[in-house]
Protein backbone atom coordinates (compact mmCIF):
# COMPACT_ATOMS: atom_id res chain seq x y z
CA MET A 1 -9.57 11.69 -4.94
CA PRO A 2 -8.41 8.97 -7.37
CA VAL A 3 -7.54 5.60 -5.82
CA MET A 4 -5.58 2.78 -7.46
CA THR A 5 -5.57 -0.70 -5.93
CA ASP A 6 -3.62 -3.76 -7.01
CA ARG A 7 -3.03 -7.37 -6.00
CA GLN A 8 -0.17 -9.25 -7.63
CA SER A 9 1.59 -12.52 -6.97
CA VAL A 10 5.35 -12.00 -7.02
CA ALA A 11 7.36 -15.12 -7.84
CA ALA A 12 10.25 -16.20 -5.60
CA ASN A 13 13.21 -13.80 -5.66
CA THR A 14 11.75 -11.56 -8.37
CA THR A 15 10.61 -7.95 -8.69
CA ILE A 16 7.49 -6.36 -10.18
CA GLY A 17 8.79 -3.12 -11.71
CA ASN A 18 5.63 -1.00 -11.35
CA VAL A 19 2.28 -2.16 -10.01
CA VAL A 20 0.55 0.98 -11.33
CA ALA A 21 1.88 0.65 -14.90
CA GLY A 22 -0.96 1.25 -17.32
CA LYS A 23 -3.39 2.54 -14.69
CA LEU A 24 -5.27 5.78 -15.32
CA HIS A 25 -3.39 7.83 -12.69
CA GLU A 26 0.12 6.43 -13.28
CA PHE A 27 1.15 9.96 -14.31
CA CYS A 28 0.27 12.97 -12.15
CA ALA A 29 -2.22 15.25 -13.91
CA SER A 30 -1.45 18.17 -11.58
CA PRO A 31 0.52 18.80 -8.37
CA CYS A 32 -0.59 16.13 -5.88
CA ILE A 33 -0.02 14.29 -2.65
CA ILE A 34 0.32 10.52 -3.01
CA LYS A 35 -0.39 8.18 -0.11
CA VAL A 36 0.68 4.55 -0.38
CA TYR A 37 -0.72 1.72 1.72
CA ALA A 38 0.60 -1.85 1.43
CA THR A 39 0.39 -5.37 2.80
CA ALA A 40 1.61 -8.81 1.72
CA SER A 41 0.40 -12.38 2.13
CA ALA A 42 3.61 -13.35 3.97
CA VAL A 43 6.80 -11.83 5.33
CA GLY A 44 9.60 -11.05 2.91
CA MET A 45 7.95 -8.55 0.56
CA ASN A 46 9.78 -5.25 0.05
CA MET A 47 8.51 -2.09 -1.64
CA SER A 48 10.04 0.96 -3.30
CA VAL A 49 8.15 4.17 -4.15
CA LEU A 50 9.44 6.70 -6.68
CA VAL A 51 7.62 9.76 -8.02
CA GLY A 52 9.25 11.63 -10.88
CA ASN A 53 12.97 11.49 -10.13
CA GLU A 54 12.61 11.32 -6.33
CA THR A 55 12.77 8.18 -4.20
CA PHE A 56 10.39 8.24 -1.22
CA ALA A 57 11.05 4.66 -0.02
CA GLN A 58 13.65 2.20 -1.22
CA ASP A 59 13.32 -1.55 -0.70
CA GLN A 60 11.50 -1.39 2.64
CA GLU A 61 9.66 -4.40 4.05
CA ILE A 62 5.86 -4.25 4.21
CA ASN A 63 3.69 -5.99 6.78
CA ALA A 64 2.12 -9.40 6.26
CA GLN A 65 -1.64 -9.04 6.80
CA ASN A 66 -2.80 -11.12 3.79
CA ARG A 67 -5.57 -8.67 2.79
CA LEU A 68 -6.06 -5.43 0.91
CA PRO A 69 -4.56 -2.51 2.86
CA LEU A 70 -6.72 -0.62 5.33
CA GLU A 71 -6.49 3.10 6.02
CA PRO A 72 -4.76 4.12 8.32
CA ASP A 73 -3.48 0.73 9.58
CA ASP A 74 -1.35 -0.19 6.58
CA PHE A 75 0.07 3.25 5.72
CA PHE A 76 3.48 2.99 4.04
CA VAL A 77 4.61 6.42 2.78
CA THR A 78 3.45 9.85 1.61
CA ALA A 79 4.96 11.32 -1.54
CA ALA A 80 4.45 14.44 -3.65
CA GLY A 81 4.37 14.92 -7.38
CA VAL A 82 3.95 17.60 -10.00
CA GLN A 83 2.22 17.47 -13.36
CA GLY A 84 3.76 14.78 -15.58
CA ASP A 85 5.57 12.88 -12.81
CA ARG A 86 5.33 9.11 -13.09
CA ILE A 87 4.36 7.12 -10.00
CA VAL A 88 6.43 3.94 -9.70
CA VAL A 89 5.61 1.41 -6.96
CA SER A 90 7.73 -1.74 -7.16
CA LEU A 91 7.48 -4.96 -5.17
CA ARG A 92 10.42 -7.31 -4.48
CA ASN A 93 9.94 -10.79 -3.09
CA THR A 94 12.92 -11.84 -0.96
CA THR A 95 11.64 -15.36 -0.22
CA ALA A 96 11.90 -18.79 -1.86
CA GLY A 97 8.16 -18.93 -2.61
CA ALA A 98 5.51 -16.78 -4.28
CA VAL A 99 4.07 -13.97 -2.14
CA THR A 100 1.10 -11.75 -3.00
CA GLY A 101 1.51 -7.99 -2.62
CA PHE A 102 -1.52 -5.77 -2.03
CA THR A 103 -1.35 -2.01 -2.67
CA ARG A 104 -3.62 1.03 -2.38
CA ILE A 105 -2.41 4.33 -3.83
CA GLU A 106 -4.38 7.54 -3.26
CA VAL A 107 -3.63 10.54 -5.49
CA GLU A 108 -4.96 13.77 -4.03
CA PRO A 109 -4.67 16.86 -6.25
CA ILE A 110 -3.41 20.02 -4.55
CA ARG A 111 -5.79 22.89 -5.34
């Protein structure tokens, strides 16, 4: 099962468009189940998850644990994709200071 992790500082009142942009499994190679786990270094970080043309979570706050996400504690959402779908995970900082967002995305092919 492919896993993508990421840690990015998001400046005050800005958005990171896609934390998995350029990663090996950004596009689904076959039908798959996608599990997203997330945390932030402080309150005020929101996340959206889109796969293909479907929105699975839109601008929802993630918890502030200040560490890489743990399974199952920091589970955020499950999504599904088909071959060629792009996985887009965006982070939006709603605060007046920089906040770090931590993500773990598991892509499990359906056989």
